[in-house]
């Protein structure tokens, strides 16, 4: 799983976090943000955004890689597919669909397929949590804390801190921080902290919601010479 965390722009709750209607908060501003997120989730059909991700390694105490690319989502029935195209520094394609993660590296023409199997729910939590899931499920799996407001690229955002309740999940991701646009109900920045101190800080721009996306985006094109490795 640690390898996957480095290879893809983690998008937990990127565009929508359903809010548990039964949860009470005394913070009117937070209530408004959560309500907007709930509306975004209810109307979600597709999403597209540019991303820039800093990969920080604690052992060397610096960012050792910065990734750039585009990420896509679309709802298919009750499921959500995710496709990430990493353009720099090295081209990669990542597709999440039906419990499988496919990683394609054009440079070596190699496709690696990870079948989540009985761990499908855990893997889905890394890639598409919040898309089609209920607010009750979110609050059941995470302790959510309001961290106030913070400016991101000159824009005021609502800052939320998520702590996984599951020990198994916490072994991979100890903490998640989300910076939410309170007017659109989408995440413009997020940070995934691993137990050993490594983290991935991802910034999103040119976010487009519910616009038509070419179905071909959600396919990885291989050929007869592609080396396929299954896990």
C-alpha atoms as a PDB file:
ATOM      1  CA  UNK A   1       0.000   0.000   0.000  1.00  0.00           C
ATOM      2  CA  UNK A   2       2.843   2.416   0.724  1.00  0.00           C
ATOM      3  CA  UNK A   3       3.939   2.062  -2.914  1.00  0.00           C
ATOM      4  CA  UNK A   4       0.453   3.018  -4.105  1.00  0.00           C
ATOM      5  CA  UNK A   5       0.424   6.017  -1.787  1.00  0.00           C
ATOM      6  CA  UNK A   6       3.496   7.383  -3.560  1.00  0.00           C
ATOM      7  CA  UNK A   7       2.305   6.623  -7.079  1.00  0.00           C
ATOM      8  CA  UNK A   8      -1.126   8.181  -7.129  1.00  0.00           C
ATOM      9  CA  UNK A   9      -2.627  11.533  -6.113  1.00  0.00           C
ATOM     10  CA  UNK A  10      -4.650  10.367  -3.142  1.00  0.00           C
ATOM     11  CA  UNK A  11      -8.120  11.788  -3.406  1.00  0.00           C
ATOM     12  CA  UNK A  12      -9.971  10.889  -0.286  1.00  0.00           C
ATOM     13  CA  UNK A  13     -12.913  13.309  -0.063  1.00  0.00           C
ATOM     14  CA  UNK A  14     -11.434  15.425  -2.845  1.00  0.00           C
ATOM     15  CA  UNK A  15     -14.665  16.828  -4.201  1.00  0.00           C
ATOM     16  CA  UNK A  16     -17.315  15.895  -1.661  1.00  0.00           C
ATOM     17  CA  UNK A  17     -17.706  14.662   1.872  1.00  0.00           C
ATOM     18  CA  UNK A  18     -21.282  13.652   2.704  1.00  0.00           C
ATOM     19  CA  UNK A  19     -22.331  15.159   6.021  1.00  0.00           C
ATOM     20  CA  UNK A  20     -24.124  13.122   8.670  1.00  0.00           C
ATOM     21  CA  UNK A  21     -27.374  15.021   9.088  1.00  0.00           C
ATOM     22  CA  UNK A  22     -27.800  13.759  12.623  1.00  0.00           C
ATOM     23  CA  UNK A  23     -24.462  15.156  13.797  1.00  0.00           C
ATOM     24  CA  UNK A  24     -24.784  18.396  15.737  1.00  0.00           C
ATOM     25  CA  UNK A  25     -22.253  21.244  15.790  1.00  0.00           C
ATOM     26  CA  UNK A  26     -22.417  24.596  17.541  1.00  0.00           C
ATOM     27  CA  UNK A  27     -20.334  26.236  14.805  1.00  0.00           C
ATOM     28  CA  UNK A  28     -22.713  27.897  12.270  1.00  0.00           C
ATOM     29  CA  UNK A  29     -19.910  28.397   9.743  1.00  0.00           C
ATOM     30  CA  UNK A  30     -18.958  24.728   9.885  1.00  0.00           C
ATOM     31  CA  UNK A  31     -22.618  23.756   9.548  1.00  0.00           C
ATOM     32  CA  UNK A  32     -22.848  25.815   6.348  1.00  0.00           C
ATOM     33  CA  UNK A  33     -19.690  24.237   4.896  1.00  0.00           C
ATOM     34  CA  UNK A  34     -20.862  20.712   5.703  1.00  0.00           C
ATOM     35  CA  UNK A  35     -24.277  21.410   4.202  1.00  0.00           C
ATOM     36  CA  UNK A  36     -22.628  22.598   0.984  1.00  0.00           C
ATOM     37  CA  UNK A  37     -20.486  19.449   0.891  1.00  0.00           C
ATOM     38  CA  UNK A  38     -23.621  17.372   1.302  1.00  0.00           C
ATOM     39  CA  UNK A  39     -25.240  19.109  -1.670  1.00  0.00           C
ATOM     40  CA  UNK A  40     -22.124  18.572  -3.785  1.00  0.00           C
ATOM     41  CA  UNK A  41     -22.079  14.873  -2.916  1.00  0.00           C
ATOM     42  CA  UNK A  42     -25.773  14.400  -3.668  1.00  0.00           C
ATOM     43  CA  UNK A  43     -25.413  15.929  -7.147  1.00  0.00           C
ATOM     44  CA  UNK A  44     -22.045  14.387  -8.016  1.00  0.00           C
ATOM     45  CA  UNK A  45     -21.724  12.819 -11.492  1.00  0.00           C
ATOM     46  CA  UNK A  46     -18.134  13.540 -12.517  1.00  0.00           C
ATOM     47  CA  UNK A  47     -15.079  15.604 -11.653  1.00  0.00           C
ATOM     48  CA  UNK A  48     -11.827  16.694 -13.228  1.00  0.00           C
ATOM     49  CA  UNK A  49      -8.899  18.672 -11.777  1.00  0.00           C
ATOM     50  CA  UNK A  50      -5.232  19.481 -12.224  1.00  0.00           C
ATOM     51  CA  UNK A  51      -3.003  18.482  -9.348  1.00  0.00           C
ATOM     52  CA  UNK A  52       0.434  19.157  -7.907  1.00  0.00           C
ATOM     53  CA  UNK A  53       1.632  16.745  -5.237  1.00  0.00           C
ATOM     54  CA  UNK A  54       4.643  17.133  -2.937  1.00  0.00           C
ATOM     55  CA  UNK A  55       6.029  13.839  -1.611  1.00  0.00           C
ATOM     56  CA  UNK A  56       7.883  14.461   1.642  1.00  0.00           C
ATOM     57  CA  UNK A  57      10.341  11.888   3.046  1.00  0.00           C
ATOM     58  CA  UNK A  58      11.058  12.328   6.747  1.00  0.00           C
ATOM     59  CA  UNK A  59      14.285  10.289   6.618  1.00  0.00           C
ATOM     60  CA  UNK A  60      15.857  12.964   4.392  1.00  0.00           C
ATOM     61  CA  UNK A  61      13.702  15.787   5.795  1.00  0.00           C
ATOM     62  CA  UNK A  62      12.715  17.188   2.406  1.00  0.00           C
ATOM     63  CA  UNK A  63      10.343  16.836  -0.529  1.00  0.00           C
ATOM     64  CA  UNK A  64      12.019  14.267  -2.761  1.00  0.00           C
ATOM     65  CA  UNK A  65       9.524  14.404  -5.638  1.00  0.00           C
ATOM     66  CA  UNK A  66       6.826  16.701  -7.012  1.00  0.00           C
ATOM     67  CA  UNK A  67       4.196  15.157  -9.284  1.00  0.00           C
ATOM     68  CA  UNK A  68       1.977  17.000 -11.765  1.00  0.00           C
ATOM     69  CA  UNK A  69      -1.020  15.733 -13.664  1.00  0.00           C
ATOM     70  CA  UNK A  70      -4.788  15.484 -14.074  1.00  0.00           C
ATOM     71  CA  UNK A  71      -7.312  13.422 -12.145  1.00  0.00           C
ATOM     72  CA  UNK A  72     -10.783  12.309 -13.243  1.00  0.00           C
ATOM     73  CA  UNK A  73     -13.843  10.795 -11.564  1.00  0.00           C
ATOM     74  CA  UNK A  74     -17.177   9.571 -12.816  1.00  0.00           C
ATOM     75  CA  UNK A  75     -20.134   7.858 -11.213  1.00  0.00           C
ATOM     76  CA  UNK A  76     -21.218   4.586 -12.841  1.00  0.00           C
ATOM     77  CA  UNK A  77     -24.321   3.272 -11.155  1.00  0.00           C
ATOM     78  CA  UNK A  78     -23.535   3.090  -7.454  1.00  0.00           C
ATOM     79  CA  UNK A  79     -19.781   2.985  -8.038  1.00  0.00           C
ATOM     80  CA  UNK A  80     -17.215   5.675  -8.798  1.00  0.00           C
ATOM     81  CA  UNK A  81     -14.237   5.231 -11.096  1.00  0.00           C
ATOM     82  CA  UNK A  82     -10.990   7.192 -10.726  1.00  0.00           C
ATOM     83  CA  UNK A  83      -8.282   7.813 -13.325  1.00  0.00           C
ATOM     84  CA  UNK A  84      -5.086   9.742 -12.641  1.00  0.00           C
ATOM     85  CA  UNK A  85      -2.663  10.777 -15.364  1.00  0.00           C
ATOM     86  CA  UNK A  86       0.717  11.743 -13.913  1.00  0.00           C
ATOM     87  CA  UNK A  87       2.639  13.809 -16.480  1.00  0.00           C
ATOM     88  CA  UNK A  88       5.754  14.852 -14.542  1.00  0.00           C
ATOM     89  CA  UNK A  89       8.390  13.925 -13.563  1.00  0.00           C
ATOM     90  CA  UNK A  90       7.643  10.498 -15.089  1.00  0.00           C
ATOM     91  CA  UNK A  91       4.495   9.557 -16.977  1.00  0.00           C
ATOM     92  CA  UNK A  92       2.153   7.139 -15.198  1.00  0.00           C
ATOM     93  CA  UNK A  93      -1.500   6.172 -15.509  1.00  0.00           C
ATOM     94  CA  UNK A  94      -3.528   4.922 -12.554  1.00  0.00           C
ATOM     95  CA  UNK A  95      -7.049   3.530 -12.866  1.00  0.00           C
ATOM     96  CA  UNK A  96      -9.265   2.453  -9.960  1.00  0.00           C
ATOM     97  CA  UNK A  97     -12.339   0.445 -10.922  1.00  0.00           C
ATOM     98  CA  UNK A  98     -14.306  -2.404  -9.335  1.00  0.00           C
ATOM     99  CA  UNK A  99     -11.848  -3.008  -6.534  1.00  0.00           C
ATOM    100  CA  UNK A 100      -8.774  -3.115  -8.757  1.00  0.00           C
ATOM    101  CA  UNK A 101      -5.944  -0.612  -9.101  1.00  0.00           C
ATOM    102  CA  UNK A 102      -4.142  -0.628 -12.443  1.00  0.00           C
ATOM    103  CA  UNK A 103      -0.794   1.138 -12.741  1.00  0.00           C
ATOM    104  CA  UNK A 104       0.634   1.636 -16.215  1.00  0.00           C
ATOM    105  CA  UNK A 105       4.158   2.951 -16.850  1.00  0.00           C
ATOM    106  CA  UNK A 106       4.504   3.824 -20.562  1.00  0.00           C
ATOM    107  CA  UNK A 107       8.293   4.168 -20.398  1.00  0.00           C
ATOM    108  CA  UNK A 108       8.695   0.422 -19.802  1.00  0.00           C
ATOM    109  CA  UNK A 109       5.296  -0.593 -21.239  1.00  0.00           C
ATOM    110  CA  UNK A 110       4.355  -2.324 -17.988  1.00  0.00           C
ATOM    111  CA  UNK A 111       0.915  -2.728 -16.412  1.00  0.00           C
ATOM    112  CA  UNK A 112       0.655  -3.748 -12.763  1.00  0.00           C
ATOM    113  CA  UNK A 113      -2.747  -4.835 -11.454  1.00  0.00           C
ATOM    114  CA  UNK A 114      -3.506  -4.823  -7.723  1.00  0.00           C
ATOM    115  CA  UNK A 115      -6.639  -6.774  -6.800  1.00  0.00           C
ATOM    116  CA  UNK A 116      -7.912  -5.548  -3.457  1.00  0.00           C
ATOM    117  CA  UNK A 117      -9.860  -8.752  -2.865  1.00  0.00           C
ATOM    118  CA  UNK A 118     -11.034  -8.936   0.740  1.00  0.00           C
ATOM    119  CA  UNK A 119      -9.315  -5.579   1.387  1.00  0.00           C
ATOM    120  CA  UNK A 120     -11.440  -3.820  -1.215  1.00  0.00           C
ATOM    121  CA  UNK A 121     -13.180  -1.613   1.336  1.00  0.00           C
ATOM    122  CA  UNK A 122      -9.867  -0.408   2.751  1.00  0.00           C
ATOM    123  CA  UNK A 123      -8.441   0.344  -0.703  1.00  0.00           C
ATOM    124  CA  UNK A 124     -11.607   2.182  -1.739  1.00  0.00           C
ATOM    125  CA  UNK A 125     -11.243   4.369   1.332  1.00  0.00           C
ATOM    126  CA  UNK A 126      -7.946   5.645  -0.079  1.00  0.00           C
ATOM    127  CA  UNK A 127      -9.253   6.405  -3.537  1.00  0.00           C
ATOM    128  CA  UNK A 128     -12.941   7.254  -3.543  1.00  0.00           C
ATOM    129  CA  UNK A 129     -14.193   7.717   0.003  1.00  0.00           C
ATOM    130  CA  UNK A 130     -16.926  10.324  -0.049  1.00  0.00           C
ATOM    131  CA  UNK A 131     -18.225   9.556  -3.536  1.00  0.00           C
ATOM    132  CA  UNK A 132     -21.548   7.817  -3.105  1.00  0.00           C
ATOM    133  CA  UNK A 133     -20.848   7.002   0.549  1.00  0.00           C
ATOM    134  CA  UNK A 134     -23.116   8.319   3.281  1.00  0.00           C
ATOM    135  CA  UNK A 135     -22.214  10.869   5.895  1.00  0.00           C
ATOM    136  CA  UNK A 136     -22.991   8.304   8.562  1.00  0.00           C
ATOM    137  CA  UNK A 137     -20.301   6.024   7.119  1.00  0.00           C
ATOM    138  CA  UNK A 138     -17.764   8.862   7.098  1.00  0.00           C
ATOM    139  CA  UNK A 139     -18.404   9.774  10.721  1.00  0.00           C
ATOM    140  CA  UNK A 140     -18.311   6.113  11.655  1.00  0.00           C
ATOM    141  CA  UNK A 141     -14.842   5.642  10.136  1.00  0.00           C
ATOM    142  CA  UNK A 142     -13.189   8.949  11.065  1.00  0.00           C
ATOM    143  CA  UNK A 143     -12.999  11.375  13.952  1.00  0.00           C
ATOM    144  CA  UNK A 144     -13.525  14.755  12.256  1.00  0.00           C
ATOM    145  CA  UNK A 145     -12.285  17.980  13.861  1.00  0.00           C
ATOM    146  CA  UNK A 146     -12.873  21.571  12.747  1.00  0.00           C
ATOM    147  CA  UNK A 147      -9.454  23.284  12.576  1.00  0.00           C
ATOM    148  CA  UNK A 148     -10.834  26.725  11.755  1.00  0.00           C
ATOM    149  CA  UNK A 149     -10.076  28.656   8.553  1.00  0.00           C
ATOM    150  CA  UNK A 150      -6.845  29.019   6.586  1.00  0.00           C
ATOM    151  CA  UNK A 151      -5.845  30.756   3.361  1.00  0.00           C
ATOM    152  CA  UNK A 152      -4.720  28.536   0.469  1.00  0.00           C
ATOM    153  CA  UNK A 153      -3.407  30.416  -2.560  1.00  0.00           C
ATOM    154  CA  UNK A 154      -5.149  33.536  -1.328  1.00  0.00           C
ATOM    155  CA  UNK A 155      -8.476  31.764  -0.824  1.00  0.00           C
ATOM    156  CA  UNK A 156     -10.041  31.295   2.597  1.00  0.00           C
ATOM    157  CA  UNK A 157     -10.840  27.643   3.261  1.00  0.00           C
ATOM    158  CA  UNK A 158     -12.326  25.540   6.021  1.00  0.00           C
ATOM    159  CA  UNK A 159      -9.689  23.236   7.481  1.00  0.00           C
ATOM    160  CA  UNK A 160     -10.769  19.769   8.622  1.00  0.00           C
ATOM    161  CA  UNK A 161      -8.736  17.076  10.386  1.00  0.00           C
ATOM    162  CA  UNK A 162      -9.650  13.394   9.966  1.00  0.00           C
ATOM    163  CA  UNK A 163      -8.290  10.630  12.191  1.00  0.00           C
ATOM    164  CA  UNK A 164      -9.070   7.041  11.112  1.00  0.00           C
ATOM    165  CA  UNK A 165     -10.811   5.011  13.791  1.00  0.00           C
ATOM    166  CA  UNK A 166      -9.613   1.728  12.294  1.00  0.00           C
ATOM    167  CA  UNK A 167      -6.207   0.573  13.533  1.00  0.00           C
ATOM    168  CA  UNK A 168      -5.650  -1.157  10.181  1.00  0.00           C
ATOM    169  CA  UNK A 169      -6.213   2.064   8.250  1.00  0.00           C
ATOM    170  CA  UNK A 170      -4.189   4.062  10.767  1.00  0.00           C
ATOM    171  CA  UNK A 171      -1.213   1.778  10.093  1.00  0.00           C
ATOM    172  CA  UNK A 172      -1.064   3.332   6.594  1.00  0.00           C
ATOM    173  CA  UNK A 173      -2.564   6.810   7.093  1.00  0.00           C
ATOM    174  CA  UNK A 174      -2.439   8.294  10.574  1.00  0.00           C
ATOM    175  CA  UNK A 175      -4.065  11.630   9.750  1.00  0.00           C
ATOM    176  CA  UNK A 176      -5.758  13.455   6.868  1.00  0.00           C
ATOM    177  CA  UNK A 177      -6.097  17.237   6.590  1.00  0.00           C
ATOM    178  CA  UNK A 178      -8.531  18.794   4.115  1.00  0.00           C
ATOM    179  CA  UNK A 179      -8.812  22.434   3.054  1.00  0.00           C
ATOM    180  CA  UNK A 180     -12.380  22.951   1.786  1.00  0.00           C
ATOM    181  CA  UNK A 181     -13.761  25.717  -0.408  1.00  0.00           C
ATOM    182  CA  UNK A 182     -16.857  26.646   1.658  1.00  0.00           C
ATOM    183  CA  UNK A 183     -18.711  28.068  -1.356  1.00  0.00           C
ATOM    184  CA  UNK A 184     -18.239  25.104  -3.681  1.00  0.00           C
ATOM    185  CA  UNK A 185     -17.963  22.327  -1.121  1.00  0.00           C
ATOM    186  CA  UNK A 186     -14.799  20.936  -2.710  1.00  0.00           C
ATOM    187  CA  UNK A 187     -11.274  20.300  -1.457  1.00  0.00           C
ATOM    188  CA  UNK A 188      -8.579  22.576  -2.872  1.00  0.00           C
ATOM    189  CA  UNK A 189      -5.758  21.028  -0.860  1.00  0.00           C
ATOM    190  CA  UNK A 190      -5.222  17.891   1.202  1.00  0.00           C
ATOM    191  CA  UNK A 191      -2.486  16.254   3.211  1.00  0.00           C
ATOM    192  CA  UNK A 192      -2.055  12.554   3.972  1.00  0.00           C
ATOM    193  CA  UNK A 193       0.299  11.837   6.849  1.00  0.00           C
ATOM    194  CA  UNK A 194       1.800   8.363   7.307  1.00  0.00           C
ATOM    195  CA  UNK A 195       2.813   6.969  10.720  1.00  0.00           C
ATOM    196  CA  UNK A 196       6.554   7.218   9.995  1.00  0.00           C
ATOM    197  CA  UNK A 197       6.243  10.942   9.236  1.00  0.00           C
ATOM    198  CA  UNK A 198       6.169  10.842   5.424  1.00  0.00           C
ATOM    199  CA  UNK A 199       3.348  12.804   3.838  1.00  0.00           C
ATOM    200  CA  UNK A 200       1.755  13.726   0.543  1.00  0.00           C
ATOM    201  CA  UNK A 201       0.500  17.304   0.141  1.00  0.00           C
ATOM    202  CA  UNK A 202      -1.707  17.732  -2.924  1.00  0.00           C
ATOM    203  CA  UNK A 203      -3.037  20.990  -4.358  1.00  0.00           C
ATOM    204  CA  UNK A 204      -5.909  21.042  -6.872  1.00  0.00           C
ATOM    205  CA  UNK A 205      -6.774  23.640  -9.498  1.00  0.00           C
ATOM    206  CA  UNK A 206      -9.105  24.051 -12.494  1.00  0.00           C
ATOM    207  CA  UNK A 207     -11.682  21.880 -10.711  1.00  0.00           C
ATOM    208  CA  UNK A 208     -14.621  21.001 -12.940  1.00  0.00           C
ATOM    209  CA  UNK A 209     -17.695  19.302 -11.551  1.00  0.00           C
ATOM    210  CA  UNK A 210     -20.358  17.363 -13.441  1.00  0.00           C
ATOM    211  CA  UNK A 211     -19.009  18.144 -16.895  1.00  0.00           C
ATOM    212  CA  UNK A 212     -18.907  15.492 -19.600  1.00  0.00           C
ATOM    213  CA  UNK A 213     -15.713  13.424 -19.692  1.00  0.00           C
ATOM    214  CA  UNK A 214     -14.728  11.262 -22.652  1.00  0.00           C
ATOM    215  CA  UNK A 215     -15.217   7.594 -21.610  1.00  0.00           C
ATOM    216  CA  UNK A 216     -11.841   6.763 -23.190  1.00  0.00           C
ATOM    217  CA  UNK A 217     -10.198   8.636 -20.302  1.00  0.00           C
ATOM    218  CA  UNK A 218     -11.139   5.728 -18.044  1.00  0.00           C
ATOM    219  CA  UNK A 219      -9.230   3.152 -20.061  1.00  0.00           C
ATOM    220  CA  UNK A 220      -5.572   2.213 -20.088  1.00  0.00           C
ATOM    221  CA  UNK A 221      -4.408   1.492 -23.607  1.00  0.00           C
ATOM    222  CA  UNK A 222      -1.952  -1.384 -23.768  1.00  0.00           C
ATOM    223  CA  UNK A 223      -0.661  -3.538 -26.611  1.00  0.00           C
ATOM    224  CA  UNK A 224       0.513  -7.089 -27.268  1.00  0.00           C
ATOM    225  CA  UNK A 225       3.978  -6.252 -25.943  1.00  0.00           C
ATOM    226  CA  UNK A 226       2.769  -4.834 -22.619  1.00  0.00           C
ATOM    227  CA  UNK A 227       4.135  -6.748 -19.631  1.00  0.00           C
ATOM    228  CA  UNK A 228       1.290  -7.461 -17.188  1.00  0.00           C
ATOM    229  CA  UNK A 229       2.013  -8.149 -13.524  1.00  0.00           C
ATOM    230  CA  UNK A 230      -0.782  -9.171 -11.148  1.00  0.00           C
ATOM    231  CA  UNK A 231      -0.808  -8.914  -7.350  1.00  0.00           C
END
